[in-house]
Amino acid sequence: MRTPRPSAPSATAGAVFALVRDGVATTRADLAKHTGLSRSAIVSRVNALSALGLVVETEDDRSTGGRPPARLSFDVDAGIVLAAAIGRSRSQLAVFTVGGDFLAGDTVDQEIGVGPDELMPQITTRFDALIDDAGRAGHRIFGVGLAIPGTADTVRGCSLDSPIMHGWDGVPLAPYFGQLTSAPVFLDNDANAMILGERRDTREHFENVLLVKASTGLGAGIIAGGVLQRGSLGAAGEFGHTKTAAAAGVACRCGDSGCLEAIAGGWALVHALQDQGRSVGHIRDVVDLAVGGDAEARRLIRDSGRHIGETLAGAVNLLNPEILVLGGDMAKSYDIFVAGLRETVYGRATALATRNLTIRATMHSGQSGVIGCAALVSDRVLSSDAIDASLRASSASA
C-alpha cells in the first residue's frame, strides 16, 4: 500500500501578498495557478490583505467580452516610510510611499561631534514638516529606517562602535520618534542600507555584491548568496581600519595607527590638503576640486582608490562578487577614483575572481543612503512573515 504524500503547506496571506506585490499574480486566477489554493481560500486571503490596505482590486478595462476579471495590485500609496541617513556632518531625510516612491526630502547640516540628544529631535521635527510638505499628514507610517556610520546594533537599535559618532554608542534611537509615530524603527550601518537600496532597484538581481562606501570614512556592504551579511557582531564590512603597510606609523582617528583610513579615508585626504594650506573642510570639497581639474586633489583621490583596491583584492578573492559598487562622496569623482582602484584590484586579486567582475558607481548617487533606509523598512514590514504576523495581531485584537 502506497503511503500518501504529505500535502504541501498552504500559501499564507503573506505569500499571496508577495505574489501580488512583485507583479507575479494580477488576478485571482493567477493566484490559484501559483498557489494551488481553493477559490474560497484566495477570497479570504485577498480580503484580509485588502483590510490591511495593502491590496486593491480594480476592474480590468482590457477585457474584450464577458465580465472582466478584477485586477489585483499592491497599493503603493497605502502609507509612507520615513528614511534618515545620519552622517558625521550632514544627515539626509526623505519621505517615501510604502511602495518606494520619493515624496519629499531635506538635509540637516550639523556640527561635527553633535550627540543624539541634540540631533535626533531636529530630525523628528524635520520629518514632521516633510510629511506636511508631501501632503501625507495623517497617513499611516509603516516604519522609520535609519542608517549610521560604524557598527550598528540592529537588535537594540543603537550604535555599537563608531570612532566618529562620539556619544552615540549604546543609545537606542527608536524612543526619539515616540512623539511622531508608534511605527517600528529599524537601524543599520550606512553601507548596509545603501546595498539594500542598490539591490532592490537593480534589474539584474545579482546574488553576490560588494558595495564600497568611500566618504569621510570607509565601509562596505556585502550580499553573498542573496543574503545581506552583517557578521556575528554587525561588524562585517568595516574594513577601513584594516592595517596596511602603506600606512605604517600613520595615526588614525580611531586612536590606533597604520589603518587604511589613515591614508585613504576622506578625512585623511582633507587633512593632506589642509596641510598644504588649501581651504577644504570636507571630502566633498576635495572631490569638487578633483572634478574641476585640480592636479593634487586628483592625485589624492586616485591614490585613495589604489590603497582601497589593495585591501579589497582580498575581499574579491574571498567573496567572488559579481559586481563591485562604488558609493559615498568619492563616487562623484568615479573616473578618477576607479582608475586607481582597478589597478590594484585586478593586479592583486586572482584572474578567476575578477574574470566576470563588473565595477560601477551606485545608481542613486547622493540619494543612495535614504533610498536604502526606505528599502530597509520595506524589506521588514512587507515581508511575508511580517504580513502574516500583522494579520494574526489584528485577529487577536478583534
Protein backbone atom coordinates (compact mmCIF):
# COMPACT_ATOMS: atom_id res chain seq x y z
CA MET A 1 0.00 0.00 0.00
CA ARG A 2 1.45 3.33 -1.07
CA THR A 3 1.90 5.88 1.71
CA PRO A 4 0.16 9.14 0.81
CA ARG A 5 2.45 12.10 0.39
CA PRO A 6 2.05 14.90 2.90
CA SER A 7 0.23 17.83 1.43
CA ALA A 8 2.23 20.97 0.64
CA PRO A 9 1.86 23.76 3.17
CA SER A 10 -0.91 26.17 2.23
CA ALA A 11 0.21 29.57 0.92
CA THR A 12 -0.36 32.18 3.61
CA ALA A 13 -1.75 35.67 3.09
CA GLY A 14 1.84 36.92 3.29
CA ALA A 15 2.85 34.63 0.45
CA VAL A 16 -0.15 35.78 -1.59
CA PHE A 17 0.81 39.41 -0.97
CA ALA A 18 4.36 38.74 -2.20
CA LEU A 19 2.99 37.40 -5.48
CA VAL A 20 0.78 40.46 -5.93
CA ARG A 21 3.45 42.94 -4.84
CA ASP A 22 6.01 41.53 -7.26
CA GLY A 23 3.53 41.50 -10.13
CA VAL A 24 3.66 37.71 -10.45
CA ALA A 25 -0.11 37.40 -9.88
CA THR A 26 -2.51 40.11 -11.02
CA THR A 27 -5.80 38.16 -10.84
CA ARG A 28 -7.35 35.59 -8.55
CA ALA A 29 -6.90 33.03 -11.32
CA ASP A 30 -3.17 33.79 -11.29
CA LEU A 31 -3.10 33.21 -7.54
CA ALA A 32 -4.86 29.87 -7.95
CA LYS A 33 -2.29 28.80 -10.55
CA HIS A 34 0.72 29.81 -8.45
CA THR A 35 -0.52 28.65 -5.04
CA GLY A 36 -2.99 25.82 -5.67
CA LEU A 37 -5.35 27.45 -3.18
CA SER A 38 -9.11 26.99 -3.46
CA ARG A 39 -11.31 29.86 -4.58
CA SER A 40 -12.62 30.43 -1.06
CA ALA A 41 -9.09 30.44 0.40
CA ILE A 42 -7.99 33.02 -2.15
CA VAL A 43 -11.02 35.19 -1.39
CA SER A 44 -10.23 35.01 2.32
CA ARG A 45 -6.60 35.99 1.87
CA VAL A 46 -7.28 38.78 -0.61
CA ASN A 47 -9.97 40.22 1.67
CA ALA A 48 -7.55 40.14 4.61
CA LEU A 49 -4.90 41.96 2.58
CA SER A 50 -7.47 44.50 1.41
CA ALA A 51 -8.47 45.14 5.02
CA LEU A 52 -4.82 45.94 5.77
CA GLY A 53 -4.91 48.43 2.92
CA LEU A 54 -2.15 46.66 1.01
CA VAL A 55 -4.01 45.17 -1.94
CA VAL A 56 -6.65 46.79 -4.14
CA GLU A 57 -8.92 45.25 -6.75
CA THR A 58 -9.88 47.21 -9.84
CA GLU A 59 -11.90 46.31 -12.89
CA ASP A 60 -9.76 45.25 -15.83
CA ASP A 61 -10.75 47.53 -18.71
CA ARG A 62 -8.70 45.40 -21.11
CA SER A 63 -11.33 42.65 -21.15
CA THR A 64 -12.85 42.08 -24.60
CA GLY A 65 -16.04 40.36 -23.54
CA GLY A 66 -17.97 38.97 -20.61
CA ARG A 67 -17.45 40.02 -17.06
CA PRO A 68 -13.94 41.47 -16.72
CA PRO A 69 -11.75 39.87 -14.05
CA ALA A 70 -10.73 42.06 -11.14
CA ARG A 71 -7.10 43.16 -11.28
CA LEU A 72 -5.10 42.81 -8.08
CA SER A 73 -2.32 45.25 -7.27
CA PHE A 74 -0.18 46.42 -4.38
CA ASP A 75 -1.45 49.78 -3.12
CA VAL A 76 1.89 51.58 -3.20
CA ASP A 77 0.23 54.66 -1.70
CA ALA A 78 -1.23 52.85 1.31
CA GLY A 79 1.07 54.76 3.63
CA ILE A 80 4.51 56.25 3.98
CA VAL A 81 8.02 55.35 5.09
CA LEU A 82 10.47 57.74 6.76
CA ALA A 83 14.17 57.44 5.99
CA ALA A 84 17.20 59.13 7.55
CA ALA A 85 20.85 58.59 6.64
CA ILE A 86 22.75 60.07 9.57
CA GLY A 87 26.31 61.19 8.90
CA ARG A 88 29.14 62.91 10.69
CA SER A 89 28.37 66.44 9.48
CA ARG A 90 25.20 66.01 7.44
CA SER A 91 22.05 63.92 7.65
CA GLN A 92 19.71 63.29 4.73
CA LEU A 93 16.00 62.80 5.30
CA ALA A 94 13.25 61.64 2.97
CA VAL A 95 9.63 60.55 2.91
CA PHE A 96 8.66 57.72 0.55
CA THR A 97 5.45 55.90 -0.23
CA VAL A 98 5.41 52.39 1.14
CA GLY A 99 5.94 51.33 -2.47
CA GLY A 100 9.25 53.19 -2.58
CA ASP A 101 8.30 56.35 -4.49
CA PHE A 102 10.10 59.50 -3.32
CA LEU A 103 7.77 62.20 -1.96
CA ALA A 104 9.90 64.81 -0.18
CA GLY A 105 13.44 65.26 1.13
CA ASP A 106 15.58 67.52 3.27
CA THR A 107 19.11 67.83 4.62
CA VAL A 108 20.23 68.60 8.16
CA ASP A 109 23.71 70.12 8.46
CA GLN A 110 25.09 69.53 11.92
CA GLU A 111 28.18 70.31 13.94
CA ILE A 112 30.78 67.55 13.98
CA GLY A 113 30.52 65.72 17.29
CA VAL A 114 26.85 66.55 17.95
CA GLY A 115 25.16 63.99 20.22
CA PRO A 116 21.87 62.17 19.73
CA ASP A 117 20.02 64.29 22.31
CA GLU A 118 20.66 67.35 20.16
CA LEU A 119 20.41 65.91 16.66
CA MET A 120 17.56 63.41 16.89
CA PRO A 121 14.92 65.98 17.99
CA GLN A 122 15.94 68.10 14.99
CA ILE A 123 15.44 65.10 12.72
CA THR A 124 11.99 64.26 14.07
CA THR A 125 10.93 67.91 13.78
CA ARG A 126 12.09 68.00 10.15
CA PHE A 127 10.22 64.77 9.48
CA ASP A 128 7.03 66.31 10.81
CA ALA A 129 7.45 69.19 8.36
CA LEU A 130 8.36 66.86 5.49
CA ILE A 131 5.21 64.81 5.98
CA ASP A 132 3.18 68.01 5.62
CA ASP A 133 5.23 69.04 2.57
CA ALA A 134 4.44 65.67 0.99
CA GLY A 135 0.73 66.13 1.64
CA ARG A 136 0.67 62.99 3.78
CA ALA A 137 -0.35 64.36 7.18
CA GLY A 138 -2.45 61.73 8.95
CA HIS A 139 -1.37 58.92 6.63
CA ARG A 140 -0.19 55.65 8.09
CA ILE A 141 3.56 55.50 8.76
CA PHE A 142 4.72 51.95 8.10
CA GLY A 143 8.17 52.42 9.60
CA VAL A 144 11.28 54.51 10.05
CA GLY A 145 14.61 53.48 8.53
CA LEU A 146 17.86 54.85 9.95
CA ALA A 147 21.47 54.43 8.86
CA ILE A 148 24.55 55.42 10.84
CA PRO A 149 28.31 55.20 10.22
CA GLY A 150 30.16 52.42 12.00
CA THR A 151 28.80 49.23 13.51
CA ALA A 152 25.08 49.21 14.28
CA ASP A 153 23.39 47.01 16.86
CA THR A 154 20.29 46.17 14.83
CA VAL A 155 18.57 44.46 17.77
CA ARG A 156 18.86 47.30 20.28
CA GLY A 157 18.73 49.95 17.58
CA CYS A 158 21.86 51.82 18.55
CA SER A 159 25.45 52.48 17.53
CA LEU A 160 27.78 49.77 18.76
CA ASP A 161 31.20 51.11 17.90
CA SER A 162 31.75 54.25 15.85
CA PRO A 163 35.04 56.17 16.02
CA ILE A 164 33.37 59.29 14.58
CA MET A 165 29.96 59.35 16.30
CA HIS A 166 31.10 60.08 19.83
CA GLY A 167 28.34 59.84 22.43
CA TRP A 168 26.09 57.64 20.29
CA ASP A 169 27.26 54.18 21.33
CA GLY A 170 24.63 52.28 23.29
CA VAL A 171 21.93 54.98 22.90
CA PRO A 172 18.69 53.48 21.46
CA LEU A 173 17.32 55.76 18.73
CA ALA A 174 13.72 54.49 18.48
CA PRO A 175 12.49 56.40 21.58
CA TYR A 176 13.24 59.72 19.89
CA PHE A 177 10.41 59.00 17.45
CA GLY A 178 7.83 58.33 20.16
CA GLN A 179 6.11 61.69 19.75
CA LEU A 180 5.99 61.35 15.95
CA THR A 181 4.90 57.74 15.40
CA SER A 182 4.42 54.37 17.02
CA ALA A 183 5.67 52.65 13.86
CA PRO A 184 8.72 50.38 14.16
CA VAL A 185 12.17 51.92 13.80
CA PHE A 186 14.88 49.93 12.01
CA LEU A 187 18.58 50.75 12.18
CA ASP A 188 21.56 49.54 10.18
CA ASN A 189 25.04 50.53 9.11
CA ASP A 190 25.16 53.09 6.29
CA ALA A 191 26.85 50.80 3.75
CA ASN A 192 24.38 48.00 4.51
CA ALA A 193 21.47 50.35 3.90
CA MET A 194 23.00 51.50 0.62
CA ILE A 195 23.46 48.00 -0.71
CA LEU A 196 19.85 47.09 0.14
CA GLY A 197 18.67 50.04 -1.92
CA GLU A 198 21.05 49.14 -4.74
CA ARG A 199 19.88 45.55 -4.92
CA ARG A 200 16.19 46.40 -4.63
CA ASP A 201 16.25 48.60 -7.72
CA THR A 202 18.72 46.76 -9.94
CA ARG A 203 17.18 44.71 -12.70
CA GLU A 204 19.94 42.14 -12.82
CA HIS A 205 19.12 40.58 -9.42
CA PHE A 206 22.74 39.97 -8.50
CA GLU A 207 23.21 37.44 -5.71
CA ASN A 208 26.81 38.37 -4.79
CA VAL A 209 27.51 42.08 -4.43
CA LEU A 210 30.20 44.11 -2.70
CA LEU A 211 29.45 47.80 -2.16
CA VAL A 212 32.15 50.19 -1.01
CA LYS A 213 31.22 53.47 0.63
CA ALA A 214 34.17 55.81 0.23
CA SER A 215 33.39 59.03 2.03
CA THR A 216 34.70 60.63 5.24
CA GLY A 217 35.24 57.07 6.40
CA LEU A 218 35.32 53.73 4.60
CA GLY A 219 32.90 50.85 4.83
CA ALA A 220 31.40 48.04 2.79
CA GLY A 221 28.08 46.30 2.36
CA ILE A 222 28.15 42.59 1.47
CA ILE A 223 25.48 40.45 -0.14
CA ALA A 224 26.53 36.82 -0.53
CA GLY A 225 24.20 34.17 -1.87
CA GLY A 226 21.43 36.77 -1.97
CA VAL A 227 21.67 37.49 1.77
CA LEU A 228 22.98 40.65 3.46
CA GLN A 229 25.97 39.70 5.60
CA ARG A 230 26.20 41.56 8.92
CA GLY A 231 28.57 39.23 10.78
CA SER A 232 28.30 37.99 14.36
CA LEU A 233 28.53 41.49 15.88
CA GLY A 234 27.29 43.50 12.92
CA ALA A 235 30.86 44.47 12.02
CA ALA A 236 31.02 42.81 8.58
CA GLY A 237 32.32 45.29 6.03
CA GLU A 238 34.18 47.52 8.50
CA PHE A 239 37.39 47.34 6.51
CA GLY A 240 38.53 50.96 6.99
CA HIS A 241 40.66 50.07 10.00
CA THR A 242 42.39 47.12 8.38
CA LYS A 243 46.13 47.52 8.79
CA THR A 244 48.09 48.23 5.62
CA ALA A 245 51.82 48.57 5.10
CA ALA A 246 51.40 51.85 3.23
CA ALA A 247 50.00 53.45 6.42
CA ALA A 248 52.64 52.11 8.82
CA GLY A 249 53.12 54.60 11.64
CA VAL A 250 50.40 56.98 10.40
CA ALA A 251 47.97 57.96 13.17
CA CYS A 252 44.29 57.15 12.60
CA ARG A 253 41.30 58.93 14.09
CA CYS A 254 40.32 55.67 15.80
CA GLY A 255 43.32 56.14 18.12
CA ASP A 256 45.42 53.42 16.52
CA SER A 257 47.90 53.72 13.66
CA GLY A 258 48.52 52.01 10.35
CA CYS A 259 44.84 51.85 9.34
CA LEU A 260 43.73 52.05 5.71
CA GLU A 261 41.54 55.06 6.57
CA ALA A 262 44.60 56.97 7.72
CA ILE A 263 45.77 57.29 4.12
CA ALA A 264 42.63 56.56 2.04
CA GLY A 265 39.66 57.83 4.03
CA GLY A 266 38.07 61.13 3.06
CA TRP A 267 39.10 62.77 6.30
CA ALA A 268 42.75 61.89 5.59
CA LEU A 269 42.56 63.47 2.14
CA VAL A 270 41.08 66.63 3.65
CA HIS A 271 43.91 66.82 6.19
CA ALA A 272 46.50 66.29 3.44
CA LEU A 273 45.24 69.31 1.51
CA GLN A 274 44.85 71.38 4.67
CA ASP A 275 48.49 70.66 5.50
CA GLN A 276 49.33 72.21 2.13
CA GLY A 277 47.42 75.36 3.07
CA ARG A 278 44.37 74.53 0.94
CA SER A 279 40.93 75.67 2.09
CA VAL A 280 38.89 72.46 2.31
CA GLY A 281 36.65 71.26 5.10
CA HIS A 282 35.08 68.05 3.82
CA ILE A 283 35.81 65.29 1.33
CA ARG A 284 33.09 66.82 -0.86
CA ASP A 285 35.35 69.85 -1.27
CA VAL A 286 38.24 67.63 -2.34
CA VAL A 287 36.02 65.82 -4.83
CA ASP A 288 34.80 69.12 -6.32
CA LEU A 289 38.41 70.22 -6.78
CA ALA A 290 39.32 66.93 -8.44
CA VAL A 291 36.35 67.04 -10.81
CA GLY A 292 37.29 70.61 -11.62
CA GLY A 293 40.78 69.52 -12.69
CA ASP A 294 42.91 70.23 -9.59
CA ALA A 295 46.01 68.05 -10.04
CA GLU A 296 46.73 67.46 -6.34
CA ALA A 297 43.12 66.59 -5.49
CA ARG A 298 43.03 64.18 -8.42
CA ARG A 299 46.25 62.52 -7.26
CA LEU A 300 44.91 62.08 -3.73
CA ILE A 301 41.66 60.52 -4.89
CA ARG A 302 43.37 58.21 -7.37
CA ASP A 303 45.84 57.13 -4.66
CA SER A 304 42.89 56.54 -2.30
CA GLY A 305 41.38 54.22 -4.90
CA ARG A 306 44.70 52.38 -5.24
CA HIS A 307 45.07 51.86 -1.49
CA ILE A 308 41.45 50.74 -1.10
CA GLY A 309 41.85 48.36 -4.04
CA GLU A 310 44.82 46.69 -2.35
CA THR A 311 42.62 45.76 0.60
CA LEU A 312 39.55 44.94 -1.49
CA ALA A 313 41.50 42.48 -3.61
CA GLY A 314 41.48 40.06 -0.69
CA ALA A 315 37.72 40.51 -0.29
CA VAL A 316 37.21 39.86 -4.00
CA ASN A 317 39.16 36.62 -3.69
CA LEU A 318 37.20 35.55 -0.61
CA LEU A 319 33.71 36.52 -1.76
CA ASN A 320 33.96 36.36 -5.57
CA PRO A 321 31.27 39.03 -6.13
CA GLU A 322 29.61 39.52 -9.49
CA ILE A 323 29.61 43.27 -9.07
CA LEU A 324 31.57 45.85 -7.09
CA VAL A 325 29.58 49.04 -6.50
CA LEU A 326 31.20 52.33 -5.52
CA GLY A 327 29.21 54.76 -3.41
CA GLY A 328 29.75 57.63 -0.99
CA ASP A 329 31.08 61.12 -1.63
CA MET A 330 34.10 59.92 -3.63
CA ALA A 331 31.83 58.24 -6.18
CA LYS A 332 31.20 61.69 -7.66
CA SER A 333 34.80 61.53 -8.91
CA TYR A 334 34.21 57.99 -10.14
CA ASP A 335 36.53 58.00 -13.16
CA ILE A 336 39.47 59.27 -11.11
CA PHE A 337 38.84 57.04 -8.12
CA VAL A 338 38.10 53.86 -10.07
CA ALA A 339 41.26 54.24 -12.18
CA GLY A 340 43.34 53.68 -9.05
CA LEU A 341 41.05 51.02 -7.66
CA ARG A 342 41.00 48.94 -10.85
CA GLU A 343 44.79 49.00 -10.96
CA THR A 344 45.19 47.22 -7.64
CA VAL A 345 42.03 45.08 -7.55
CA TYR A 346 42.82 43.48 -10.90
CA GLY A 347 46.53 43.42 -10.17
CA ARG A 348 46.26 41.67 -6.79
CA ALA A 349 43.10 39.54 -6.96
CA THR A 350 43.15 36.25 -8.83
CA ALA A 351 42.31 36.14 -12.53
CA LEU A 352 39.40 33.79 -11.82
CA ALA A 353 37.83 36.01 -9.14
CA THR A 354 37.95 39.03 -11.44
CA ARG A 355 37.08 37.27 -14.69
CA ASN A 356 33.42 38.36 -14.67
CA LEU A 357 33.69 41.16 -12.10
CA THR A 358 31.86 44.36 -13.00
CA ILE A 359 32.73 47.65 -11.29
CA ARG A 360 30.26 50.51 -11.40
CA ALA A 361 29.03 53.54 -9.47
CA THR A 362 25.90 53.40 -7.36
CA MET A 363 22.72 54.03 -9.32
CA HIS A 364 21.40 56.58 -6.85
CA SER A 365 24.33 58.95 -6.42
CA GLY A 366 23.86 61.16 -3.35
CA GLN A 367 20.43 59.70 -2.54
CA SER A 368 21.58 56.11 -2.10
CA GLY A 369 21.59 56.37 1.70
CA VAL A 370 17.95 57.39 2.17
CA ILE A 371 16.76 55.08 -0.61
CA GLY A 372 18.49 52.25 1.21
CA CYS A 373 16.88 53.23 4.51
CA ALA A 374 13.46 53.08 2.85
CA ALA A 375 14.35 49.64 1.46
CA LEU A 376 15.37 48.56 4.96
CA VAL A 377 11.85 49.33 6.19
CA SER A 378 10.07 47.76 3.22
CA ASP A 379 12.11 44.57 3.50
CA ARG A 380 10.97 44.20 7.09
CA VAL A 381 7.36 45.38 7.21
CA LEU A 382 6.31 43.98 3.81
CA SER A 383 7.91 40.56 4.13
CA SER A 384 5.58 37.56 4.04
CA ASP A 385 6.28 36.80 7.71
CA ALA A 386 5.58 40.40 8.76
CA ILE A 387 2.27 40.48 6.87
CA ASP A 388 1.17 37.21 8.48
CA ALA A 389 2.19 38.49 11.92
CA SER A 390 0.20 41.69 11.34
CA LEU A 391 -2.90 39.68 10.42
CA ARG A 392 -2.52 37.48 13.49
CA ALA A 393 -2.27 40.56 15.67
CA SER A 394 -5.38 42.04 14.06
CA SER A 395 -7.31 38.82 14.70
CA ALA A 396 -6.18 38.68 18.31
CA SER A 397 -7.30 42.24 19.00
CA ALA A 398 -10.65 41.84 17.23
